[in-house]
Amino acid sequence: MNSQEYIEVSVRIEPYSDENAEILMAELGSLPYESFTMEDPFLKCYIPKDEYNPQMLRLVLAGLEEDTFRATDFSARLIPATNWNALWESNFSPIVVDGLCTVKASFHKGLKRTRFNITIDPKMAFGTGHHQTTYMMCRALLRHEAEVKGKTVLDMGCGTAILAILAAKMGAGHVYGIDIDAVAAASAFDNARRNRVSRHVETYCGDASLLQMGKYDILLANINRNILLQDIPTYSRSLRKDGLLFVSGFYTEDLPMIQGMAEANGLEFMEDDTMDNWCCACFRKILPSKI
């Protein structure tokens, strides 16, 4: 990564809020941006210089369906690659989930250890555990530790593989991580090796169509509302009977929509968790899909 130059794109959001910035991040998921930071009134987006395409960015911004904010003005500047590590390191503090799981970077020293300790190298983001949805997904897994042990787990949209690594450390028999972004999939592979769970974790680049590789006891999907609604039927078909589906990446007001799609596909609602208007929900596979 240090050999590349990056472009920093600053998109002005009017009116600005962290929630609007999160929505915009999800909308930009189809483009190869590798990291985001929120600095009122801007969402700052980072992309390798050779992959920056202002025309595609304009198309995505013009196609926003949100009525609550505008995001049409942006500026771009070159960021020397030598500045990047200092940038993300300065924004990456260790986190501890319920006193049981610590997520940190390799440069964090002298931390008190918890039951499960995960060291990651974000390599231009893909998740450091700081977002509320990743935190809640970790918390949900920890609550179901007895059901993780010895089971086959799939982490859809694995990013840095925090959830896949945690499942492996909790005793899962085998874990698969899938991400549509090749750099994310490579980062997941590296992080699994770094955490000494590579024997139990396989990573692949692709989308939900790869789920046909097998059947799973637990499926994790921390993505966004629209992708979840699209892929829940595939998730359900891929789960064994009594298997668990954990989903996040959507707002609390979207839970009825997510729950309706899940129940139409043979999944029974079990529980939900919320943090700053973000939601995480758990379902159990009980019936064949109705649609």
Protein backbone atom coordinates (compact mmCIF):
# COMPACT_ATOMS: atom_id res chain seq x y z
CA MET A 1 0.00 0.00 0.00
CA ASN A 2 2.80 2.42 0.79
CA SER A 3 3.97 2.32 -2.83
CA GLN A 4 0.68 3.75 -4.10
CA GLU A 5 -0.62 7.27 -4.25
CA TYR A 6 -4.17 7.94 -3.18
CA ILE A 7 -6.82 10.49 -4.02
CA GLU A 8 -8.78 12.09 -1.18
CA VAL A 9 -12.28 13.04 -2.35
CA SER A 10 -14.23 15.42 -0.09
CA VAL A 11 -17.99 15.22 -0.67
CA ARG A 12 -20.05 17.99 0.93
CA ILE A 13 -23.25 16.74 2.62
CA GLU A 14 -26.11 19.19 3.14
CA PRO A 15 -27.40 19.01 5.80
CA TYR A 16 -24.56 17.10 7.42
CA SER A 17 -25.11 14.33 9.97
CA ASP A 18 -23.22 11.13 10.75
CA GLU A 19 -26.30 9.20 9.64
CA ASN A 20 -26.34 10.92 6.24
CA ALA A 21 -22.61 10.25 5.88
CA GLU A 22 -23.21 6.55 6.62
CA ILE A 23 -25.92 6.41 3.95
CA LEU A 24 -23.56 8.00 1.44
CA MET A 25 -20.83 5.48 2.32
CA ALA A 26 -23.22 2.64 1.55
CA GLU A 27 -24.15 4.24 -1.77
CA LEU A 28 -20.47 4.49 -2.73
CA GLY A 29 -19.98 0.78 -2.08
CA SER A 30 -20.11 0.04 -5.81
CA LEU A 31 -16.95 2.11 -6.38
CA PRO A 32 -13.43 1.06 -5.29
CA TYR A 33 -13.07 3.52 -2.39
CA GLU A 34 -11.00 1.90 0.33
CA SER A 35 -11.59 4.15 3.32
CA PHE A 36 -13.83 6.90 4.64
CA THR A 37 -13.61 9.52 7.36
CA MET A 38 -16.39 11.83 8.51
CA GLU A 39 -15.45 15.48 9.01
CA ASP A 40 -18.50 17.76 9.19
CA PRO A 41 -19.67 18.86 6.60
CA PHE A 42 -17.70 16.39 4.46
CA LEU A 43 -17.43 12.69 3.89
CA LYS A 44 -13.80 12.11 2.89
CA CYS A 45 -13.25 9.13 0.62
CA TYR A 46 -9.89 7.54 -0.26
CA ILE A 47 -9.13 5.65 -3.46
CA PRO A 48 -5.94 4.57 -5.31
CA LYS A 49 -4.96 7.25 -7.80
CA ASP A 50 -5.16 4.87 -10.79
CA GLU A 51 -8.74 3.86 -9.92
CA TYR A 52 -10.20 7.34 -9.41
CA ASN A 53 -12.99 8.07 -11.87
CA PRO A 54 -14.78 11.40 -11.25
CA GLN A 55 -17.42 10.62 -13.89
CA MET A 56 -18.50 7.45 -12.09
CA LEU A 57 -18.57 9.35 -8.80
CA ARG A 58 -20.83 12.00 -10.34
CA LEU A 59 -23.18 9.28 -11.61
CA VAL A 60 -23.52 7.70 -8.16
CA LEU A 61 -24.09 11.05 -6.47
CA ALA A 62 -26.64 12.07 -9.08
CA GLY A 63 -28.51 8.81 -8.55
CA LEU A 64 -28.99 9.21 -4.79
CA GLU A 65 -32.58 8.42 -3.87
CA GLU A 66 -32.41 10.01 -0.44
CA ASP A 67 -34.69 13.03 0.03
CA THR A 68 -33.14 14.04 3.33
CA PHE A 69 -29.80 15.40 2.11
CA ARG A 70 -27.79 16.52 -0.92
CA ALA A 71 -24.30 15.32 -1.86
CA THR A 72 -23.41 16.68 -5.27
CA ASP A 73 -20.38 18.91 -4.69
CA PHE A 74 -16.96 17.34 -4.27
CA SER A 75 -13.27 18.15 -4.57
CA ALA A 76 -10.25 15.89 -4.95
CA ARG A 77 -6.58 16.11 -3.99
CA LEU A 78 -3.58 13.82 -4.18
CA ILE A 79 -2.48 12.17 -0.92
CA PRO A 80 1.14 10.91 -0.86
CA ALA A 81 1.06 7.25 0.14
CA THR A 82 3.62 7.85 2.87
CA ASN A 83 0.96 9.80 4.79
CA TRP A 84 -1.65 7.06 4.86
CA ASN A 85 -0.48 4.84 7.71
CA ALA A 86 -0.15 7.83 10.01
CA LEU A 87 -3.68 8.88 9.04
CA TRP A 88 -5.43 5.63 9.90
CA GLU A 89 -3.24 4.90 12.90
CA SER A 90 -4.15 8.27 14.39
CA ASN A 91 -7.85 7.34 14.09
CA PHE A 92 -7.58 3.73 15.24
CA SER A 93 -7.81 3.19 18.98
CA PRO A 94 -8.34 -0.30 20.43
CA ILE A 95 -11.89 -1.36 21.29
CA VAL A 96 -13.18 -3.83 23.86
CA VAL A 97 -16.55 -5.55 23.37
CA ASP A 98 -18.34 -6.33 26.65
CA GLY A 99 -15.01 -6.93 28.37
CA LEU A 100 -14.61 -10.17 26.39
CA CYS A 101 -13.10 -9.27 23.02
CA THR A 102 -10.35 -6.77 22.17
CA VAL A 103 -9.74 -5.53 18.63
CA LYS A 104 -6.44 -3.74 18.17
CA ALA A 105 -3.68 -3.00 15.68
CA SER A 106 -0.16 -4.40 15.84
CA PHE A 107 1.21 -1.06 17.07
CA HIS A 108 -0.98 -1.09 20.20
CA LYS A 109 1.25 -2.30 23.03
CA GLY A 110 0.76 -3.10 26.69
CA LEU A 111 -3.01 -3.68 26.57
CA LYS A 112 -4.76 -5.84 29.11
CA ARG A 113 -5.78 -9.08 27.44
CA THR A 114 -9.36 -10.30 27.28
CA ARG A 115 -10.72 -13.76 26.46
CA PHE A 116 -10.55 -13.09 22.73
CA ASN A 117 -7.86 -10.82 21.28
CA ILE A 118 -7.83 -9.82 17.60
CA THR A 119 -5.01 -7.94 15.87
CA ILE A 120 -5.78 -6.48 12.46
CA ASP A 121 -4.09 -4.42 9.78
CA PRO A 122 -6.93 -2.51 8.10
CA LYS A 123 -4.90 -1.65 4.97
CA MET A 124 -7.11 1.28 4.00
CA ALA A 125 -10.07 0.30 6.18
CA PHE A 126 -12.65 -2.45 5.49
CA GLY A 127 -13.62 -2.35 9.16
CA THR A 128 -11.74 -1.83 12.39
CA GLY A 129 -14.58 -2.77 14.74
CA HIS A 130 -15.29 0.85 15.62
CA HIS A 131 -18.53 1.05 13.71
CA GLN A 132 -21.62 0.31 15.79
CA THR A 133 -22.71 -2.52 13.51
CA THR A 134 -19.41 -4.41 13.79
CA TYR A 135 -19.44 -3.93 17.55
CA MET A 136 -22.99 -5.31 17.81
CA MET A 137 -22.20 -8.27 15.55
CA CYS A 138 -19.26 -9.16 17.81
CA ARG A 139 -21.54 -8.82 20.83
CA ALA A 140 -24.17 -11.05 19.23
CA LEU A 141 -21.61 -13.76 18.50
CA LEU A 142 -20.32 -13.61 22.05
CA ARG A 143 -23.86 -14.08 23.40
CA HIS A 144 -24.18 -17.27 21.36
CA GLU A 145 -20.80 -18.80 22.16
CA ALA A 146 -22.25 -22.23 22.95
CA GLU A 147 -23.85 -22.38 19.50
CA VAL A 148 -20.64 -21.35 17.70
CA LYS A 149 -18.36 -24.12 18.97
CA GLY A 150 -17.65 -26.78 16.39
CA LYS A 151 -19.98 -25.22 13.82
CA THR A 152 -19.50 -24.10 10.21
CA VAL A 153 -19.65 -20.30 10.00
CA LEU A 154 -19.76 -17.99 6.98
CA ASP A 155 -18.94 -14.28 7.19
CA MET A 156 -20.54 -12.54 4.18
CA GLY A 157 -18.90 -9.20 3.35
CA CYS A 158 -16.08 -10.10 5.71
CA GLY A 159 -13.93 -6.98 5.25
CA THR A 160 -10.93 -7.28 7.56
CA ALA A 161 -12.39 -10.59 8.87
CA ILE A 162 -12.94 -9.43 12.44
CA LEU A 163 -16.10 -11.53 12.74
CA ALA A 164 -14.59 -14.56 11.01
CA ILE A 165 -11.53 -14.42 13.27
CA LEU A 166 -13.68 -14.04 16.38
CA ALA A 167 -15.79 -17.06 15.38
CA ALA A 168 -12.63 -19.12 14.86
CA LYS A 169 -11.23 -18.06 18.23
CA MET A 170 -14.55 -18.97 19.84
CA GLY A 171 -14.12 -22.54 18.62
CA ALA A 172 -15.97 -22.71 15.31
CA GLY A 173 -15.09 -25.84 13.37
CA HIS A 174 -14.54 -23.98 10.10
CA VAL A 175 -15.11 -20.42 8.95
CA TYR A 176 -15.50 -18.97 5.45
CA GLY A 177 -15.08 -15.29 4.68
CA ILE A 178 -16.39 -13.77 1.46
CA ASP A 179 -16.02 -10.21 0.22
CA ILE A 180 -16.82 -8.72 -3.16
CA ASP A 181 -13.67 -6.57 -2.99
CA ALA A 182 -10.43 -8.39 -3.83
CA VAL A 183 -8.32 -6.15 -1.57
CA ALA A 184 -10.67 -6.83 1.33
CA ALA A 185 -10.51 -10.58 0.73
CA ALA A 186 -6.70 -10.41 0.69
CA SER A 187 -6.73 -8.34 3.88
CA ALA A 188 -9.01 -10.93 5.50
CA PHE A 189 -6.59 -13.72 4.54
CA ASP A 190 -3.62 -11.81 5.98
CA ASN A 191 -5.45 -11.04 9.21
CA ALA A 192 -6.48 -14.67 9.67
CA ARG A 193 -2.80 -15.66 9.42
CA ARG A 194 -1.79 -12.83 11.75
CA ASN A 195 -4.23 -14.16 14.36
CA ARG A 196 -3.12 -17.78 13.89
CA VAL A 197 -6.51 -19.06 12.81
CA SER A 198 -5.74 -19.56 9.11
CA ARG A 199 -6.22 -23.34 9.49
CA HIS A 200 -9.85 -22.68 10.29
CA VAL A 201 -10.57 -19.65 8.07
CA GLU A 202 -10.84 -19.62 4.27
CA THR A 203 -11.36 -16.35 2.40
CA TYR A 204 -12.80 -15.81 -1.07
CA CYS A 205 -13.51 -12.89 -3.38
CA GLY A 206 -17.08 -12.89 -4.68
CA ASP A 207 -20.73 -12.28 -3.89
CA ALA A 208 -23.57 -14.30 -2.34
CA SER A 209 -23.56 -16.71 -5.29
CA LEU A 210 -20.53 -18.36 -3.65
CA LEU A 211 -22.76 -19.56 -0.83
CA GLN A 212 -23.67 -22.56 -2.95
CA MET A 213 -20.27 -23.98 -1.92
CA GLY A 214 -22.00 -25.65 0.98
CA LYS A 215 -24.34 -25.44 3.96
CA TYR A 216 -23.66 -23.43 7.10
CA ASP A 217 -24.71 -23.46 10.74
CA ILE A 218 -24.16 -19.75 11.26
CA LEU A 219 -24.19 -16.97 8.68
CA LEU A 220 -22.99 -13.42 9.45
CA ALA A 221 -23.87 -10.51 7.17
CA ASN A 222 -22.95 -6.97 8.17
CA ILE A 223 -23.62 -5.19 4.88
CA ASN A 224 -26.47 -2.75 4.19
CA ARG A 225 -30.25 -2.87 4.00
CA ASN A 226 -30.65 -3.21 0.23
CA ILE A 227 -28.07 -5.98 -0.13
CA LEU A 228 -29.58 -7.83 2.84
CA LEU A 229 -33.08 -7.66 1.36
CA GLN A 230 -31.72 -8.93 -1.94
CA ASP A 231 -29.67 -11.78 -0.46
CA ILE A 232 -31.71 -13.03 2.52
CA PRO A 233 -33.39 -15.72 0.34
CA THR A 234 -29.91 -16.99 -0.59
CA TYR A 235 -28.80 -16.86 3.05
CA SER A 236 -31.81 -18.90 4.11
CA ARG A 237 -31.26 -21.58 1.46
CA SER A 238 -27.63 -21.84 2.60
CA LEU A 239 -28.45 -22.37 6.28
CA ARG A 240 -28.98 -25.76 7.81
CA LYS A 241 -32.19 -26.28 9.81
CA ASP A 242 -31.91 -24.47 13.17
CA GLY A 243 -28.99 -22.46 11.76
CA LEU A 244 -28.53 -18.85 12.86
CA LEU A 245 -28.44 -15.72 10.74
CA PHE A 246 -26.95 -12.54 12.24
CA VAL A 247 -27.48 -9.37 10.19
CA SER A 248 -26.59 -5.71 10.66
CA GLY A 249 -25.80 -2.64 8.60
CA PHE A 250 -29.31 -1.14 8.70
CA TYR A 251 -31.23 1.33 10.85
CA THR A 252 -33.74 0.47 13.58
CA GLU A 253 -36.64 1.70 11.45
CA ASP A 254 -35.67 -0.85 8.78
CA LEU A 255 -36.01 -3.86 11.11
CA PRO A 256 -39.66 -4.61 10.16
CA MET A 257 -38.65 -4.76 6.49
CA ILE A 258 -35.68 -7.06 7.25
CA GLN A 259 -37.81 -9.21 9.56
CA GLY A 260 -40.56 -9.54 6.97
CA MET A 261 -38.13 -10.75 4.31
CA ALA A 262 -36.51 -13.16 6.77
CA GLU A 263 -39.82 -14.65 7.89
CA ALA A 264 -40.94 -15.08 4.27
CA ASN A 265 -37.85 -17.22 3.83
CA GLY A 266 -38.33 -19.58 6.75
CA LEU A 267 -36.36 -17.60 9.34
CA GLU A 268 -37.76 -16.98 12.81
CA PHE A 269 -36.92 -13.70 14.56
CA MET A 270 -35.04 -14.28 17.82
CA GLU A 271 -33.62 -10.99 19.09
CA ASP A 272 -32.29 -7.58 18.16
CA ASP A 273 -29.79 -5.08 19.49
CA THR A 274 -29.49 -1.34 18.84
CA MET A 275 -26.78 1.28 19.10
CA ASP A 276 -27.10 4.90 17.95
CA ASN A 277 -30.07 4.00 15.72
CA TRP A 278 -28.17 1.13 14.09
CA CYS A 279 -29.66 -2.34 14.45
CA CYS A 280 -28.42 -5.93 14.63
CA ALA A 281 -30.85 -8.86 14.46
CA CYS A 282 -30.67 -12.62 14.87
CA PHE A 283 -32.89 -15.18 13.13
CA ARG A 284 -33.14 -18.99 13.25
CA LYS A 285 -33.85 -21.21 10.23
CA ILE A 286 -37.05 -23.17 10.93
CA LEU A 287 -38.90 -23.63 7.62
CA PRO A 288 -38.28 -23.95 3.88
CA SER A 289 -38.38 -20.65 1.96
CA LYS A 290 -41.83 -19.45 0.86
CA ILE A 291 -40.46 -17.38 -2.03
